[in-house]
C-alpha cells in the first residue's frame, strides 16, 4: 500500500502553465543560485520539491514490476537552439503510459553534463523527454548517456542539423523517432520533483532510466560546443521518496 501511494503521489495534481520567460542562464548573476530572485514567477525555484536530485537514496519498489509503456512515432526533424538548450519539437501522437496513466510527448532536449546523479556521479549527458497528460500534469522521462564509441543514427541526424548560432531548423524530409534514444533495459527511478530550469514548476513526475545509453564522445563534445554546460546543481531531497522500479 505504501509503495502504491508513492506512485499515486508522483501522478499528483495538475501543474500550472509556465509563465512568460525572463532572462536566465547557467552562470553568473543570472545562474541557478539566483533564479528564484530574477522574477516573481521564478520564486518556485526555491521550493521544497526541486530537481534534479541524487538518486542514490532510492529504495526498491516492493511491488510487481510496473513497466513504462512507450509509444513514440516518427516525426519531421524540428530543432530549436536558444543558446542554452537544444530542443526537438514533436507532433502529436507519441505518449508514455505507466500504471494506466498516459502522458503525451511534447518535445525533448539535452543537458551536458547530466543533471541527475547516483551516489554523487552524474552521467556525461542526459536526455529529457517532456510529456503532459489531459489535465496538464507534467511528466519527464530522463535518459542518462555515457561517453563511448557507439554511434547513434538518431543523435547523428539531430547533431548534423543543429543551428550552430541559434535559431531553428525544420525539414519534413528528415524523420526521427526518439524511441531509438532509449536503453533496451527499461528499469527506472521515480520521484516527485520539478522542472530543472525556470520557472522550476513543481509536481512533476520524474521517470529516470537506470541504464545509461552509450554514445560516441563526439556527440557530447558537439553539444558542449553549441550550448556549453547546462546542468542545474543537485537540489535537496527534503524527505521525498525516491523509488527504484526494478524487475525481480
C-alpha atoms as a PDB file:
ATOM      1  CA  UNK A   1       0.000   0.000   0.000  1.00  0.00           C
ATOM      2  CA  UNK A   2       2.817   2.395   0.844  1.00  0.00           C
ATOM      3  CA  UNK A   3       4.550   1.739  -2.472  1.00  0.00           C
ATOM      4  CA  UNK A   4       1.350   2.346  -4.437  1.00  0.00           C
ATOM      5  CA  UNK A   5       0.812   5.586  -2.514  1.00  0.00           C
ATOM      6  CA  UNK A   6       4.252   6.738  -3.673  1.00  0.00           C
ATOM      7  CA  UNK A   7       3.272   6.201  -7.297  1.00  0.00           C
ATOM      8  CA  UNK A   8      -0.069   7.939  -6.723  1.00  0.00           C
ATOM      9  CA  UNK A   9       1.816  10.889  -5.224  1.00  0.00           C
ATOM     10  CA  UNK A  10       4.024  11.078  -8.287  1.00  0.00           C
ATOM     11  CA  UNK A  11       0.967  11.437 -10.513  1.00  0.00           C
ATOM     12  CA  UNK A  12      -0.181  14.263  -8.221  1.00  0.00           C
ATOM     13  CA  UNK A  13      -2.257  17.279  -9.059  1.00  0.00           C
ATOM     14  CA  UNK A  14      -2.303  19.457 -12.137  1.00  0.00           C
ATOM     15  CA  UNK A  15       0.768  21.622 -12.724  1.00  0.00           C
ATOM     16  CA  UNK A  16       0.264  25.243 -13.800  1.00  0.00           C
ATOM     17  CA  UNK A  17       1.135  26.533 -17.240  1.00  0.00           C
ATOM     18  CA  UNK A  18       4.654  28.024 -17.426  1.00  0.00           C
ATOM     19  CA  UNK A  19       4.704  31.841 -17.300  1.00  0.00           C
ATOM     20  CA  UNK A  20       6.463  34.091 -19.826  1.00  0.00           C
ATOM     21  CA  UNK A  21      10.254  33.846 -19.751  1.00  0.00           C
ATOM     22  CA  UNK A  22      12.616  36.285 -18.050  1.00  0.00           C
ATOM     23  CA  UNK A  23      16.326  36.143 -18.930  1.00  0.00           C
ATOM     24  CA  UNK A  24      18.235  33.458 -17.019  1.00  0.00           C
ATOM     25  CA  UNK A  25      21.364  31.388 -17.606  1.00  0.00           C
ATOM     26  CA  UNK A  26      23.588  28.712 -16.086  1.00  0.00           C
ATOM     27  CA  UNK A  27      26.353  31.087 -14.984  1.00  0.00           C
ATOM     28  CA  UNK A  28      26.996  34.291 -13.084  1.00  0.00           C
ATOM     29  CA  UNK A  29      24.358  36.710 -11.825  1.00  0.00           C
ATOM     30  CA  UNK A  30      21.559  35.010 -13.766  1.00  0.00           C
ATOM     31  CA  UNK A  31      22.715  31.481 -12.913  1.00  0.00           C
ATOM     32  CA  UNK A  32      20.962  28.773 -10.859  1.00  0.00           C
ATOM     33  CA  UNK A  33      21.805  30.300  -7.464  1.00  0.00           C
ATOM     34  CA  UNK A  34      19.884  33.450  -8.457  1.00  0.00           C
ATOM     35  CA  UNK A  35      16.948  32.060 -10.475  1.00  0.00           C
ATOM     36  CA  UNK A  36      14.393  32.494  -7.692  1.00  0.00           C
ATOM     37  CA  UNK A  37      15.263  36.209  -7.411  1.00  0.00           C
ATOM     38  CA  UNK A  38      15.188  37.090 -11.116  1.00  0.00           C
ATOM     39  CA  UNK A  39      11.403  37.423 -11.359  1.00  0.00           C
ATOM     40  CA  UNK A  40       8.353  36.774  -9.159  1.00  0.00           C
ATOM     41  CA  UNK A  41       7.263  33.916 -11.426  1.00  0.00           C
ATOM     42  CA  UNK A  42      10.580  32.170 -10.735  1.00  0.00           C
ATOM     43  CA  UNK A  43      10.132  32.125  -6.943  1.00  0.00           C
ATOM     44  CA  UNK A  44       9.305  28.425  -7.225  1.00  0.00           C
ATOM     45  CA  UNK A  45      12.992  27.736  -7.844  1.00  0.00           C
ATOM     46  CA  UNK A  46      13.492  27.864  -4.062  1.00  0.00           C
ATOM     47  CA  UNK A  47      10.706  25.320  -3.453  1.00  0.00           C
ATOM     48  CA  UNK A  48      10.965  22.183  -1.347  1.00  0.00           C
ATOM     49  CA  UNK A  49      10.493  19.660  -4.189  1.00  0.00           C
ATOM     50  CA  UNK A  50      13.073  20.746  -6.735  1.00  0.00           C
ATOM     51  CA  UNK A  51      15.015  18.766  -9.340  1.00  0.00           C
ATOM     52  CA  UNK A  52      17.497  17.308 -10.114  1.00  0.00           C
ATOM     53  CA  UNK A  53      18.342  15.097  -7.126  1.00  0.00           C
ATOM     54  CA  UNK A  54      20.833  12.386  -6.249  1.00  0.00           C
ATOM     55  CA  UNK A  55      19.060   9.083  -6.896  1.00  0.00           C
ATOM     56  CA  UNK A  56      21.460   7.030  -4.780  1.00  0.00           C
ATOM     57  CA  UNK A  57      18.934   7.099  -1.931  1.00  0.00           C
ATOM     58  CA  UNK A  58      16.380   5.160  -3.989  1.00  0.00           C
ATOM     59  CA  UNK A  59      14.788   2.106  -2.426  1.00  0.00           C
ATOM     60  CA  UNK A  60      13.341  -0.784  -4.442  1.00  0.00           C
ATOM     61  CA  UNK A  61       9.612  -0.702  -5.093  1.00  0.00           C
ATOM     62  CA  UNK A  62       8.197  -3.783  -3.370  1.00  0.00           C
ATOM     63  CA  UNK A  63       5.555  -4.442  -5.990  1.00  0.00           C
ATOM     64  CA  UNK A  64       5.325  -6.328  -9.276  1.00  0.00           C
ATOM     65  CA  UNK A  65       7.379  -4.582 -11.947  1.00  0.00           C
ATOM     66  CA  UNK A  66       5.410  -1.704 -13.499  1.00  0.00           C
ATOM     67  CA  UNK A  67       6.923  -1.121 -16.949  1.00  0.00           C
ATOM     68  CA  UNK A  68       6.824   2.178 -18.749  1.00  0.00           C
ATOM     69  CA  UNK A  69       4.757   1.577 -21.857  1.00  0.00           C
ATOM     70  CA  UNK A  70       6.355   3.755 -24.527  1.00  0.00           C
ATOM     71  CA  UNK A  71       4.580   4.599 -27.766  1.00  0.00           C
ATOM     72  CA  UNK A  72       6.682   7.026 -29.822  1.00  0.00           C
ATOM     73  CA  UNK A  73       6.182   7.722 -33.519  1.00  0.00           C
ATOM     74  CA  UNK A  74       8.465   9.216 -36.152  1.00  0.00           C
ATOM     75  CA  UNK A  75       8.367  12.987 -36.618  1.00  0.00           C
ATOM     76  CA  UNK A  76       9.832  15.518 -39.053  1.00  0.00           C
ATOM     77  CA  UNK A  77      13.024  16.944 -37.615  1.00  0.00           C
ATOM     78  CA  UNK A  78      12.374  20.309 -35.910  1.00  0.00           C
ATOM     79  CA  UNK A  79      15.267  21.663 -33.814  1.00  0.00           C
ATOM     80  CA  UNK A  80      15.478  24.876 -31.810  1.00  0.00           C
ATOM     81  CA  UNK A  81      18.787  26.174 -30.419  1.00  0.00           C
ATOM     82  CA  UNK A  82      18.202  29.009 -27.933  1.00  0.00           C
ATOM     83  CA  UNK A  83      21.838  29.254 -26.874  1.00  0.00           C
ATOM     84  CA  UNK A  84      21.464  27.335 -23.618  1.00  0.00           C
ATOM     85  CA  UNK A  85      19.490  24.341 -24.818  1.00  0.00           C
ATOM     86  CA  UNK A  86      18.988  22.245 -27.948  1.00  0.00           C
ATOM     87  CA  UNK A  87      15.327  21.234 -28.130  1.00  0.00           C
ATOM     88  CA  UNK A  88      13.492  18.971 -30.545  1.00  0.00           C
ATOM     89  CA  UNK A  89       9.812  19.659 -31.203  1.00  0.00           C
ATOM     90  CA  UNK A  90       7.408  16.797 -31.940  1.00  0.00           C
ATOM     91  CA  UNK A  91       3.962  16.412 -33.419  1.00  0.00           C
ATOM     92  CA  UNK A  92       1.010  14.919 -31.539  1.00  0.00           C
ATOM     93  CA  UNK A  93       0.617  11.169 -31.273  1.00  0.00           C
ATOM     94  CA  UNK A  94       3.532   9.948 -29.127  1.00  0.00           C
ATOM     95  CA  UNK A  95       2.960   9.050 -25.477  1.00  0.00           C
ATOM     96  CA  UNK A  96       4.029   7.011 -22.467  1.00  0.00           C
ATOM     97  CA  UNK A  97       1.822   5.131 -20.029  1.00  0.00           C
ATOM     98  CA  UNK A  98       2.576   3.801 -16.543  1.00  0.00           C
ATOM     99  CA  UNK A  99       0.132   2.131 -14.166  1.00  0.00           C
ATOM    100  CA  UNK A 100      -2.640   3.038 -16.612  1.00  0.00           C
ATOM    101  CA  UNK A 101      -1.783   6.764 -16.638  1.00  0.00           C
ATOM    102  CA  UNK A 102      -0.867   8.282 -20.016  1.00  0.00           C
ATOM    103  CA  UNK A 103       1.198  11.349 -20.899  1.00  0.00           C
ATOM    104  CA  UNK A 104       1.656  12.763 -24.404  1.00  0.00           C
ATOM    105  CA  UNK A 105       5.155  13.653 -25.584  1.00  0.00           C
ATOM    106  CA  UNK A 106       5.539  17.395 -26.236  1.00  0.00           C
ATOM    107  CA  UNK A 107       9.280  17.584 -27.023  1.00  0.00           C
ATOM    108  CA  UNK A 108      12.738  16.748 -25.745  1.00  0.00           C
ATOM    109  CA  UNK A 109      16.114  18.342 -25.052  1.00  0.00           C
ATOM    110  CA  UNK A 110      19.603  17.562 -23.757  1.00  0.00           C
ATOM    111  CA  UNK A 111      21.772  18.525 -20.775  1.00  0.00           C
ATOM    112  CA  UNK A 112      25.550  18.235 -20.620  1.00  0.00           C
ATOM    113  CA  UNK A 113      26.734  17.050 -18.195  1.00  0.00           C
ATOM    114  CA  UNK A 114      23.732  15.063 -17.000  1.00  0.00           C
ATOM    115  CA  UNK A 115      21.681  16.545 -14.155  1.00  0.00           C
ATOM    116  CA  UNK A 116      20.563  13.604 -12.009  1.00  0.00           C
ATOM    117  CA  UNK A 117      23.284  11.830 -10.074  1.00  0.00           C
ATOM    118  CA  UNK A 118      23.645   8.425  -8.451  1.00  0.00           C
ATOM    119  CA  UNK A 119      25.859   8.493  -5.353  1.00  0.00           C
ATOM    120  CA  UNK A 120      27.442  11.747  -6.467  1.00  0.00           C
ATOM    121  CA  UNK A 121      28.190  10.658 -10.047  1.00  0.00           C
ATOM    122  CA  UNK A 122      26.490  12.403 -12.981  1.00  0.00           C
ATOM    123  CA  UNK A 123      26.192  10.939 -16.491  1.00  0.00           C
ATOM    124  CA  UNK A 124      28.056  12.617 -19.338  1.00  0.00           C
ATOM    125  CA  UNK A 125      24.771  13.748 -20.923  1.00  0.00           C
ATOM    126  CA  UNK A 126      21.086  13.481 -20.072  1.00  0.00           C
ATOM    127  CA  UNK A 127      18.046  13.461 -22.344  1.00  0.00           C
ATOM    128  CA  UNK A 128      14.768  14.888 -21.020  1.00  0.00           C
ATOM    129  CA  UNK A 129      11.575  13.865 -22.818  1.00  0.00           C
ATOM    130  CA  UNK A 130       8.747  16.148 -21.691  1.00  0.00           C
ATOM    131  CA  UNK A 131       5.133  14.917 -21.502  1.00  0.00           C
ATOM    132  CA  UNK A 132       1.723  16.199 -20.356  1.00  0.00           C
ATOM    133  CA  UNK A 133      -1.479  14.372 -19.503  1.00  0.00           C
ATOM    134  CA  UNK A 134      -5.005  15.553 -20.346  1.00  0.00           C
ATOM    135  CA  UNK A 135      -5.107  17.635 -17.157  1.00  0.00           C
ATOM    136  CA  UNK A 136      -1.815  19.439 -17.814  1.00  0.00           C
ATOM    137  CA  UNK A 137       0.220  17.340 -15.383  1.00  0.00           C
ATOM    138  CA  UNK A 138       3.889  17.196 -16.428  1.00  0.00           C
ATOM    139  CA  UNK A 139       5.963  14.013 -16.624  1.00  0.00           C
ATOM    140  CA  UNK A 140       9.598  13.822 -17.712  1.00  0.00           C
ATOM    141  CA  UNK A 141      11.345  10.673 -18.885  1.00  0.00           C
ATOM    142  CA  UNK A 142      15.099  11.134 -18.395  1.00  0.00           C
ATOM    143  CA  UNK A 143      17.766   9.038 -20.093  1.00  0.00           C
ATOM    144  CA  UNK A 144      21.413   9.137 -18.967  1.00  0.00           C
ATOM    145  CA  UNK A 145      24.157   8.875 -21.596  1.00  0.00           C
ATOM    146  CA  UNK A 146      27.778   7.838 -21.096  1.00  0.00           C
ATOM    147  CA  UNK A 147      30.625   8.716 -23.427  1.00  0.00           C
ATOM    148  CA  UNK A 148      31.905   5.864 -25.576  1.00  0.00           C
ATOM    149  CA  UNK A 149      32.306   4.846 -29.197  1.00  0.00           C
ATOM    150  CA  UNK A 150      28.804   3.778 -30.148  1.00  0.00           C
ATOM    151  CA  UNK A 151      27.297   5.818 -32.969  1.00  0.00           C
ATOM    152  CA  UNK A 152      23.562   6.532 -32.836  1.00  0.00           C
ATOM    153  CA  UNK A 153      21.829   7.378 -36.101  1.00  0.00           C
ATOM    154  CA  UNK A 154      19.071   9.391 -34.386  1.00  0.00           C
ATOM    155  CA  UNK A 155      21.572  11.528 -32.481  1.00  0.00           C
ATOM    156  CA  UNK A 156      23.559  11.940 -35.690  1.00  0.00           C
ATOM    157  CA  UNK A 157      20.535  13.317 -37.524  1.00  0.00           C
ATOM    158  CA  UNK A 158      19.871  15.793 -34.737  1.00  0.00           C
ATOM    159  CA  UNK A 159      23.510  16.821 -34.311  1.00  0.00           C
ATOM    160  CA  UNK A 160      24.074  17.255 -38.059  1.00  0.00           C
ATOM    161  CA  UNK A 161      21.273  19.850 -38.220  1.00  0.00           C
ATOM    162  CA  UNK A 162      21.694  21.867 -35.001  1.00  0.00           C
ATOM    163  CA  UNK A 163      21.708  25.581 -35.918  1.00  0.00           C
ATOM    164  CA  UNK A 164      25.206  26.462 -34.606  1.00  0.00           C
ATOM    165  CA  UNK A 165      24.470  30.126 -33.933  1.00  0.00           C
ATOM    166  CA  UNK A 166      20.928  29.783 -32.582  1.00  0.00           C
ATOM    167  CA  UNK A 167      17.572  29.694 -34.312  1.00  0.00           C
ATOM    168  CA  UNK A 168      15.654  26.732 -35.660  1.00  0.00           C
ATOM    169  CA  UNK A 169      15.806  24.026 -38.309  1.00  0.00           C
ATOM    170  CA  UNK A 170      12.819  22.198 -39.807  1.00  0.00           C
ATOM    171  CA  UNK A 171      12.713  19.566 -42.541  1.00  0.00           C
ATOM    172  CA  UNK A 172       9.802  17.251 -43.248  1.00  0.00           C
ATOM    173  CA  UNK A 173      12.087  15.044 -45.315  1.00  0.00           C
ATOM    174  CA  UNK A 174      14.254  14.133 -42.293  1.00  0.00           C
ATOM    175  CA  UNK A 175      12.466  11.856 -39.836  1.00  0.00           C
ATOM    176  CA  UNK A 176      13.443  10.859 -36.311  1.00  0.00           C
ATOM    177  CA  UNK A 177      11.890   8.653 -33.646  1.00  0.00           C
ATOM    178  CA  UNK A 178      13.005   9.260 -30.020  1.00  0.00           C
ATOM    179  CA  UNK A 179      12.418   5.603 -29.145  1.00  0.00           C
ATOM    180  CA  UNK A 180      15.875   4.965 -30.622  1.00  0.00           C
ATOM    181  CA  UNK A 181      17.385   7.188 -27.923  1.00  0.00           C
ATOM    182  CA  UNK A 182      16.197   4.868 -25.126  1.00  0.00           C
ATOM    183  CA  UNK A 183      18.042   1.959 -23.495  1.00  0.00           C
ATOM    184  CA  UNK A 184      16.893  -1.603 -24.098  1.00  0.00           C
ATOM    185  CA  UNK A 185      16.680  -2.122 -20.326  1.00  0.00           C
ATOM    186  CA  UNK A 186      13.694  -0.105 -19.044  1.00  0.00           C
ATOM    187  CA  UNK A 187      14.075  -0.216 -15.226  1.00  0.00           C
ATOM    188  CA  UNK A 188      13.779   3.269 -13.773  1.00  0.00           C
ATOM    189  CA  UNK A 189      13.855   5.574 -10.764  1.00  0.00           C
ATOM    190  CA  UNK A 190      10.737   7.578  -9.950  1.00  0.00           C
ATOM    191  CA  UNK A 191      10.065  10.567  -7.719  1.00  0.00           C
ATOM    192  CA  UNK A 192       8.086  13.805  -7.496  1.00  0.00           C
ATOM    193  CA  UNK A 193      10.134  16.868  -8.471  1.00  0.00           C
ATOM    194  CA  UNK A 194      10.209  19.945 -10.657  1.00  0.00           C
ATOM    195  CA  UNK A 195      11.351  21.377 -13.954  1.00  0.00           C
ATOM    196  CA  UNK A 196      15.129  21.836 -13.827  1.00  0.00           C
ATOM    197  CA  UNK A 197      15.026  25.352 -15.280  1.00  0.00           C
ATOM    198  CA  UNK A 198      12.872  28.426 -14.612  1.00  0.00           C
ATOM    199  CA  UNK A 199      10.065  28.610 -13.662  1.00  0.00           C
ATOM    200  CA  UNK A 200      11.027  25.393 -11.792  1.00  0.00           C
ATOM    201  CA  UNK A 201       7.401  24.217 -11.735  1.00  0.00           C
ATOM    202  CA  UNK A 202       6.851  21.504  -9.114  1.00  0.00           C
ATOM    203  CA  UNK A 203       4.518  18.463  -9.062  1.00  0.00           C
ATOM    204  CA  UNK A 204       6.443  16.967 -11.987  1.00  0.00           C
ATOM    205  CA  UNK A 205       6.510  13.173 -12.264  1.00  0.00           C
ATOM    206  CA  UNK A 206      10.068  12.016 -12.971  1.00  0.00           C
ATOM    207  CA  UNK A 207      10.974   8.670 -14.525  1.00  0.00           C
ATOM    208  CA  UNK A 208      14.761   8.339 -14.810  1.00  0.00           C
ATOM    209  CA  UNK A 209      16.164   5.334 -16.646  1.00  0.00           C
ATOM    210  CA  UNK A 210      18.612   3.305 -14.539  1.00  0.00           C
ATOM    211  CA  UNK A 211      20.653   2.040 -17.508  1.00  0.00           C
ATOM    212  CA  UNK A 212      22.660   4.611 -19.472  1.00  0.00           C
ATOM    213  CA  UNK A 213      22.868   4.700 -23.249  1.00  0.00           C
ATOM    214  CA  UNK A 214      26.355   4.740 -24.743  1.00  0.00           C
ATOM    215  CA  UNK A 215      27.019   7.489 -27.285  1.00  0.00           C
ATOM    216  CA  UNK A 216      30.130   8.487 -29.173  1.00  0.00           C
ATOM    217  CA  UNK A 217      32.189  11.121 -27.378  1.00  0.00           C
ATOM    218  CA  UNK A 218      31.903  13.392 -30.414  1.00  0.00           C
ATOM    219  CA  UNK A 219      28.176  13.879 -29.674  1.00  0.00           C
ATOM    220  CA  UNK A 220      28.903  15.192 -26.192  1.00  0.00           C
ATOM    221  CA  UNK A 221      31.696  17.454 -27.423  1.00  0.00           C
ATOM    222  CA  UNK A 222      29.401  18.861 -30.110  1.00  0.00           C
ATOM    223  CA  UNK A 223      26.699  19.732 -27.573  1.00  0.00           C
ATOM    224  CA  UNK A 224      29.210  21.389 -25.235  1.00  0.00           C
ATOM    225  CA  UNK A 225      30.480  23.450 -28.152  1.00  0.00           C
ATOM    226  CA  UNK A 226      26.965  24.644 -29.029  1.00  0.00           C
ATOM    227  CA  UNK A 227      25.459  25.344 -25.578  1.00  0.00           C
ATOM    228  CA  UNK A 228      28.259  24.947 -23.032  1.00  0.00           C
ATOM    229  CA  UNK A 229      27.405  23.398 -19.663  1.00  0.00           C
ATOM    230  CA  UNK A 230      23.660  23.475 -18.978  1.00  0.00           C
ATOM    231  CA  UNK A 231      23.143  21.352 -15.872  1.00  0.00           C
ATOM    232  CA  UNK A 232      21.408  22.641 -12.746  1.00  0.00           C
ATOM    233  CA  UNK A 233      23.150  21.673  -9.469  1.00  0.00           C
ATOM    234  CA  UNK A 234      21.705  18.894  -7.303  1.00  0.00           C
ATOM    235  CA  UNK A 235      18.798  20.024  -5.100  1.00  0.00           C
ATOM    236  CA  UNK A 236      17.915  18.930  -1.531  1.00  0.00           C
ATOM    237  CA  UNK A 237      15.679  15.868  -1.379  1.00  0.00           C
ATOM    238  CA  UNK A 238      13.772  17.216   1.653  1.00  0.00           C
ATOM    239  CA  UNK A 239      12.342  13.870   2.786  1.00  0.00           C
ATOM    240  CA  UNK A 240      10.897  12.996  -0.602  1.00  0.00           C
ATOM    241  CA  UNK A 241      10.748   9.329  -1.513  1.00  0.00           C
ATOM    242  CA  UNK A 242      12.729   8.032  -4.494  1.00  0.00           C
ATOM    243  CA  UNK A 243      11.846   4.540  -5.653  1.00  0.00           C
ATOM    244  CA  UNK A 244      13.692   2.176  -7.959  1.00  0.00           C
ATOM    245  CA  UNK A 245      11.273   0.244 -10.130  1.00  0.00           C
ATOM    246  CA  UNK A 246      13.155  -2.954 -10.934  1.00  0.00           C
ATOM    247  CA  UNK A 247      12.446  -6.432 -12.214  1.00  0.00           C
ATOM    248  CA  UNK A 248      12.508  -9.186  -9.594  1.00  0.00           C
END
